[in-house]
Amino acid sequence: MAGLTMRGYALQRLALGTVQLALLAVLVFLLTALLPGDAAEVRNNEDATDAQVAALREQLHLDRPPLERFADWASGVLTGELGTSLVSGGPVLDILARTVGTTLVLAAVTLAVVVPLAVALGIVSGLREGGRLDRTVTSVTVALNAVPDFVLALLLVAGLSLKLGWLPATWVGVEATDLLVQPALLVLPVAVVSARMISLLSRQVRAGVVTVLRSGYVVQARRLGVPRRALVLRHVLPNAAVPGVQELARVGDNLVGGVLIVEAVFAVPGVATALIRAVEARDVPTVQGLALVIAAAALVLSLAADLLCHRLVPRTEVLR
């Protein structure tokens, strides 16, 4: 029965996510339409005549009604096609294939750094509530959380790259395959994305540990002489993990947003860079396709965290 409940909840969330993606696609199309000019005007130089612009607009099918263009694009998405780029003339899927690998590597390395470090900091701080280490970690995480990602990126570039020369300041001229021989390229982008995520996640893990340590059954277990190690591993950590996993759902959104920011700041050849170039070129199908993929990734991360929360603390009555 619990499996059916989990399955029903997952299907419900997937249905809601599908509706959200559809609304996002409409919103992106409308916002892109509000930008000054279109792909035909952007691709032509200032000396182009109105006739030349009109001819290119007709060639790119931009003279068709917006609703008709959107309907064609949406029908393609339903069959697994993200449309054709107005700039390159190739499938948007090809652009995604060229850029998604770098973005996935950046996101994966970030998660590999964030999760163990945030959990360790949260546990250590929670077990030493009010101590010097707890106050230090809390002060640092609060300060990092208050600094915008792009400001932190500029500070790290100015200090560690331009002044000290320890790390590369940009990915300009770097190919995705260069990561295998220049892993230092990842240090600054990962540090920027990780800072706020570690701050948020570690504070939630700490709060969970503190709450569980104050609960009645833990207090009673202490009175009965249960060893501290066993108490922490068997009772405190499993229950304290719930708020941490719940925060991980929101951290997933921060991960996607943070990766987009650092790709723009460090000129990382990933999905965000391709999206920015598409916006500049008024390449509407590419903007729609990449935005849809990014939103889908955020929804999948959120759904995975929600399902994990339900697995840790099943509440079947909430899901009816």
Protein backbone atom coordinates (compact mmCIF):
# COMPACT_ATOMS: atom_id res chain seq x y z
CA MET A 1 0.00 0.00 0.00
CA ALA A 2 2.85 2.30 0.83
CA GLY A 3 4.34 1.61 -2.61
CA LEU A 4 1.07 2.63 -4.26
CA THR A 5 1.03 5.79 -2.21
CA MET A 6 4.59 6.62 -3.23
CA ARG A 7 3.77 5.90 -6.85
CA GLY A 8 0.66 8.03 -6.73
CA TYR A 9 2.55 10.90 -5.15
CA ALA A 10 5.27 10.65 -7.78
CA LEU A 11 2.71 10.67 -10.60
CA GLN A 12 0.97 13.65 -9.04
CA ARG A 13 4.21 15.58 -8.84
CA LEU A 14 5.14 14.63 -12.40
CA ALA A 15 1.76 15.86 -13.64
CA LEU A 16 2.22 19.13 -11.78
CA GLY A 17 5.73 19.46 -13.18
CA THR A 18 4.45 18.92 -16.70
CA VAL A 19 1.94 21.73 -16.25
CA GLN A 20 4.66 23.98 -14.86
CA LEU A 21 6.92 23.24 -17.84
CA ALA A 22 4.09 24.04 -20.25
CA LEU A 23 3.42 27.36 -18.53
CA LEU A 24 7.14 28.12 -18.52
CA ALA A 25 7.36 27.47 -22.26
CA VAL A 26 4.52 29.92 -22.89
CA LEU A 27 6.10 32.49 -20.57
CA VAL A 28 9.53 32.20 -22.21
CA PHE A 29 7.96 32.58 -25.66
CA LEU A 30 6.04 35.69 -24.58
CA LEU A 31 9.05 37.29 -22.87
CA THR A 32 11.28 36.58 -25.84
CA ALA A 33 8.68 38.16 -28.12
CA LEU A 34 8.89 41.34 -26.02
CA LEU A 35 12.61 41.75 -26.74
CA PRO A 36 13.41 44.51 -29.25
CA GLY A 37 14.01 43.11 -32.71
CA ASP A 38 14.09 39.51 -33.86
CA ALA A 39 16.64 37.09 -35.30
CA ALA A 40 16.34 38.64 -38.77
CA GLU A 41 17.20 42.13 -37.51
CA VAL A 42 20.01 40.89 -35.26
CA ARG A 43 21.68 38.87 -38.02
CA ASN A 44 21.61 41.73 -40.52
CA ASN A 45 24.02 44.64 -40.19
CA GLU A 46 23.06 48.28 -39.97
CA ASP A 47 23.40 48.74 -43.76
CA ALA A 48 20.77 46.09 -44.54
CA THR A 49 17.67 47.37 -46.27
CA ASP A 50 14.14 46.73 -45.08
CA ALA A 51 13.67 44.39 -48.02
CA GLN A 52 16.69 42.31 -47.00
CA VAL A 53 15.45 42.09 -43.42
CA ALA A 54 11.98 41.12 -44.63
CA ALA A 55 13.44 38.45 -46.92
CA LEU A 56 15.45 36.93 -44.08
CA ARG A 57 12.43 37.10 -41.79
CA GLU A 58 10.44 35.16 -44.37
CA GLN A 59 13.27 32.65 -44.78
CA LEU A 60 13.34 32.05 -41.01
CA HIS A 61 9.51 31.82 -40.94
CA LEU A 62 9.36 34.76 -38.55
CA ASP A 63 6.61 36.33 -40.62
CA ARG A 64 4.18 33.66 -39.44
CA PRO A 65 1.76 34.46 -36.59
CA PRO A 66 3.33 33.94 -33.13
CA LEU A 67 0.64 31.46 -32.09
CA GLU A 68 1.33 29.33 -35.14
CA ARG A 69 5.08 29.33 -34.50
CA PHE A 70 4.56 28.39 -30.88
CA ALA A 71 2.15 25.59 -31.79
CA ASP A 72 4.68 24.11 -34.23
CA TRP A 73 7.41 24.25 -31.61
CA ALA A 74 5.20 22.70 -28.91
CA SER A 75 4.13 19.85 -31.19
CA GLY A 76 7.79 19.13 -31.86
CA VAL A 77 8.58 19.00 -28.15
CA LEU A 78 5.89 16.35 -27.69
CA THR A 79 7.75 14.17 -30.18
CA GLY A 80 11.15 14.76 -28.60
CA GLU A 81 12.31 17.62 -30.82
CA LEU A 82 13.30 21.00 -29.38
CA GLY A 83 13.11 22.83 -32.67
CA THR A 84 15.64 24.30 -35.08
CA SER A 85 18.04 27.11 -34.24
CA LEU A 86 17.40 30.31 -36.17
CA VAL A 87 21.13 31.10 -36.08
CA SER A 88 22.91 27.85 -36.90
CA GLY A 89 20.06 26.21 -38.76
CA GLY A 90 20.72 22.98 -36.88
CA PRO A 91 18.64 21.19 -34.27
CA VAL A 92 18.55 22.70 -30.79
CA LEU A 93 19.30 19.20 -29.53
CA ASP A 94 22.75 19.48 -31.14
CA ILE A 95 23.43 22.67 -29.17
CA LEU A 96 22.29 20.92 -26.01
CA ALA A 97 24.48 17.90 -26.73
CA ARG A 98 27.56 20.13 -27.17
CA THR A 99 27.05 22.06 -23.94
CA VAL A 100 25.24 19.85 -21.44
CA GLY A 101 28.29 17.74 -20.63
CA THR A 102 30.22 20.68 -19.16
CA THR A 103 27.20 21.80 -17.17
CA LEU A 104 26.63 18.30 -15.79
CA VAL A 105 30.27 17.99 -14.76
CA LEU A 106 30.11 21.34 -12.97
CA ALA A 107 26.86 20.40 -11.20
CA ALA A 108 28.08 16.91 -10.26
CA VAL A 109 31.37 18.14 -8.81
CA THR A 110 29.49 20.83 -6.89
CA LEU A 111 27.12 18.28 -5.34
CA ALA A 112 30.05 15.98 -4.53
CA VAL A 113 31.58 18.86 -2.56
CA VAL A 114 28.42 20.31 -1.03
CA VAL A 115 26.62 17.29 0.39
CA PRO A 116 29.39 15.69 2.51
CA LEU A 117 30.82 19.03 3.64
CA ALA A 118 27.45 20.54 4.56
CA VAL A 119 26.32 17.39 6.38
CA ALA A 120 29.59 17.18 8.31
CA LEU A 121 29.46 20.86 9.32
CA GLY A 122 25.81 20.58 10.33
CA ILE A 123 26.38 17.49 12.45
CA VAL A 124 29.48 18.82 14.18
CA SER A 125 27.80 22.17 14.88
CA GLY A 126 24.61 20.55 16.14
CA LEU A 127 26.44 18.18 18.47
CA ARG A 128 28.36 21.15 19.92
CA GLU A 129 25.46 23.59 20.13
CA GLY A 130 26.55 26.92 21.59
CA GLY A 131 30.24 26.03 21.51
CA ARG A 132 33.03 27.99 19.86
CA LEU A 133 33.01 25.79 16.75
CA ASP A 134 29.24 26.11 16.43
CA ARG A 135 29.37 29.90 16.69
CA THR A 136 32.20 30.09 14.16
CA VAL A 137 30.49 27.86 11.61
CA THR A 138 27.20 29.72 12.05
CA SER A 139 28.85 33.11 11.60
CA VAL A 140 30.71 32.02 8.46
CA THR A 141 27.69 30.37 6.85
CA VAL A 142 25.43 33.35 7.57
CA ALA A 143 28.02 35.70 6.07
CA LEU A 144 28.45 33.56 2.94
CA ASN A 145 24.71 33.28 2.48
CA ALA A 146 24.45 37.07 2.45
CA VAL A 147 26.93 37.48 -0.41
CA PRO A 148 25.44 37.23 -3.93
CA ASP A 149 27.04 34.61 -6.15
CA PHE A 150 28.32 37.06 -8.75
CA VAL A 151 29.90 39.27 -6.04
CA LEU A 152 31.66 36.27 -4.51
CA ALA A 153 32.84 35.25 -7.98
CA LEU A 154 34.36 38.67 -8.60
CA LEU A 155 36.05 38.69 -5.19
CA LEU A 156 37.57 35.24 -5.73
CA VAL A 157 38.75 36.14 -9.22
CA ALA A 158 40.32 39.39 -7.99
CA GLY A 159 42.05 37.70 -5.06
CA LEU A 160 42.98 34.19 -6.15
CA SER A 161 43.40 34.74 -9.88
CA LEU A 162 44.42 38.31 -10.67
CA LYS A 163 46.42 39.09 -7.52
CA LEU A 164 47.87 35.73 -6.49
CA GLY A 165 47.71 33.94 -9.84
CA TRP A 166 46.81 30.63 -8.25
CA LEU A 167 43.78 29.73 -10.39
CA PRO A 168 42.49 30.51 -13.88
CA ALA A 169 40.06 33.42 -13.92
CA THR A 170 38.07 32.47 -16.99
CA TRP A 171 37.28 29.62 -19.35
CA VAL A 172 37.71 31.77 -22.47
CA GLY A 173 39.42 29.68 -25.13
CA VAL A 174 38.91 26.49 -23.13
CA GLU A 175 37.15 23.41 -24.52
CA ALA A 176 35.10 21.06 -22.39
CA THR A 177 37.64 18.27 -22.97
CA ASP A 178 40.33 20.42 -21.34
CA LEU A 179 38.81 19.63 -17.95
CA LEU A 180 40.63 16.30 -18.01
CA VAL A 181 44.02 18.02 -18.08
CA GLN A 182 43.11 21.27 -16.28
CA PRO A 183 40.88 20.39 -13.31
CA ALA A 184 41.90 23.72 -11.73
CA LEU A 185 39.35 25.31 -14.06
CA LEU A 186 36.60 23.92 -11.84
CA VAL A 187 37.88 25.29 -8.53
CA LEU A 188 36.52 28.85 -8.64
CA PRO A 189 33.15 28.03 -10.27
CA VAL A 190 32.54 25.17 -7.82
CA ALA A 191 33.58 27.34 -4.87
CA VAL A 192 31.11 30.06 -5.88
CA VAL A 193 28.18 27.69 -6.37
CA SER A 194 29.00 25.69 -3.24
CA ALA A 195 29.25 28.60 -0.83
CA ARG A 196 25.56 29.42 -0.49
CA MET A 197 24.45 25.80 -0.83
CA ILE A 198 26.72 24.68 2.00
CA SER A 199 25.49 27.56 4.13
CA LEU A 200 21.83 26.68 3.65
CA LEU A 201 22.16 22.92 3.89
CA SER A 202 24.51 22.84 6.89
CA ARG A 203 22.21 25.12 8.90
CA GLN A 204 19.24 22.84 8.25
CA VAL A 205 21.23 19.74 9.22
CA ARG A 206 22.38 21.53 12.39
CA ALA A 207 18.80 22.50 13.23
CA GLY A 208 17.68 18.90 12.75
CA VAL A 209 20.45 17.57 15.00
CA VAL A 210 19.66 20.10 17.72
CA THR A 211 15.93 19.33 17.57
CA VAL A 212 16.47 15.56 17.79
CA LEU A 213 18.96 15.90 20.65
CA ARG A 214 16.30 17.78 22.63
CA SER A 215 13.55 15.24 21.94
CA GLY A 216 12.16 13.14 24.74
CA TYR A 217 13.27 9.74 23.48
CA VAL A 218 16.89 10.91 23.08
CA VAL A 219 16.91 12.42 26.56
CA GLN A 220 15.52 9.16 27.92
CA ALA A 221 18.09 7.12 26.02
CA ARG A 222 20.83 9.20 27.59
CA ARG A 223 19.40 8.51 31.02
CA LEU A 224 19.41 4.80 30.28
CA GLY A 225 23.09 4.98 29.41
CA VAL A 226 22.92 4.38 25.67
CA PRO A 227 26.44 5.01 24.28
CA ARG A 228 26.75 8.39 22.59
CA ARG A 229 28.11 6.92 19.36
CA ALA A 230 25.21 4.49 19.00
CA LEU A 231 22.72 7.19 19.94
CA VAL A 232 24.03 9.56 17.29
CA LEU A 233 24.34 6.99 14.49
CA ARG A 234 21.09 5.08 15.06
CA HIS A 235 18.70 7.76 16.29
CA VAL A 236 19.96 11.31 15.87
CA LEU A 237 21.30 11.23 12.30
CA PRO A 238 18.40 9.35 10.61
CA ASN A 239 15.84 11.74 12.11
CA ALA A 240 17.97 14.84 11.63
CA ALA A 241 18.39 13.94 7.94
CA VAL A 242 14.77 14.83 7.15
CA PRO A 243 15.09 18.66 7.31
CA GLY A 244 18.41 18.35 5.50
CA VAL A 245 16.82 16.43 2.63
CA GLN A 246 13.94 18.90 2.53
CA GLU A 247 16.45 21.72 2.24
CA LEU A 248 18.22 19.75 -0.47
CA ALA A 249 15.09 20.18 -2.62
CA ARG A 250 15.47 23.94 -2.38
CA VAL A 251 19.23 23.64 -2.75
CA GLY A 252 18.56 21.93 -6.06
CA ASP A 253 17.06 25.17 -7.35
CA ASN A 254 20.08 27.05 -6.01
CA LEU A 255 22.34 24.57 -7.78
CA VAL A 256 20.70 25.18 -11.15
CA GLY A 257 20.64 28.96 -10.65
CA GLY A 258 24.18 29.05 -9.32
CA VAL A 259 25.54 27.02 -12.22
CA LEU A 260 23.87 29.42 -14.66
CA ILE A 261 25.48 32.41 -12.94
CA VAL A 262 28.99 30.99 -12.78
CA GLU A 263 28.83 29.85 -16.39
CA ALA A 264 28.06 33.42 -17.37
CA VAL A 265 30.74 34.94 -15.09
CA PHE A 266 33.54 32.50 -15.96
CA ALA A 267 32.52 32.02 -19.63
CA VAL A 268 32.04 28.30 -19.06
CA PRO A 269 31.00 26.66 -22.37
CA GLY A 270 27.86 25.14 -20.90
CA VAL A 271 24.10 25.35 -21.33
CA ALA A 272 23.81 28.78 -19.69
CA THR A 273 26.36 30.30 -22.05
CA ALA A 274 24.48 28.88 -25.02
CA LEU A 275 21.24 30.26 -23.59
CA ILE A 276 22.71 33.75 -23.20
CA ARG A 277 23.99 33.71 -26.77
CA ALA A 278 20.58 32.58 -27.98
CA VAL A 279 18.88 35.45 -26.16
CA GLU A 280 21.34 37.93 -27.68
CA ALA A 281 20.63 36.53 -31.15
CA ARG A 282 16.86 36.39 -30.54
CA ASP A 283 17.05 32.68 -31.32
CA VAL A 284 13.62 31.89 -29.86
CA PRO A 285 13.56 28.09 -30.46
CA THR A 286 16.95 27.70 -28.78
CA VAL A 287 15.91 29.88 -25.83
CA GLN A 288 12.71 27.89 -25.42
CA GLY A 289 14.41 24.51 -25.70
CA LEU A 290 17.29 25.25 -23.32
CA ALA A 291 15.03 26.99 -20.78
CA LEU A 292 12.72 23.97 -20.85
CA VAL A 293 15.62 21.58 -20.23
CA ILE A 294 16.95 23.70 -17.35
CA ALA A 295 13.48 23.86 -15.75
CA ALA A 296 13.04 20.12 -16.18
CA ALA A 297 16.37 19.50 -14.41
CA ALA A 298 15.28 21.67 -11.48
CA LEU A 299 11.94 19.85 -11.23
CA VAL A 300 13.62 16.43 -11.29
CA LEU A 301 15.95 17.44 -8.46
CA SER A 302 13.01 18.75 -6.44
CA LEU A 303 10.97 15.59 -7.05
CA ALA A 304 13.87 13.33 -6.09
CA ALA A 305 14.36 15.21 -2.81
CA ASP A 306 10.63 15.08 -2.03
CA LEU A 307 10.46 11.34 -2.65
CA LEU A 308 13.50 10.79 -0.46
CA CYS A 309 11.85 12.81 2.31
CA HIS A 310 8.76 10.64 2.07
CA ARG A 311 10.92 7.52 2.18
CA LEU A 312 12.60 8.71 5.37
CA VAL A 313 9.38 9.80 7.08
CA PRO A 314 6.36 8.31 5.31
CA ARG A 315 3.17 10.26 5.88
CA THR A 316 0.53 8.44 3.88
CA GLU A 317 -2.28 10.53 5.27
CA VAL A 318 -0.82 13.67 3.73
CA LEU A 319 -0.66 12.10 0.30
CA ARG A 320 -4.27 10.95 0.03
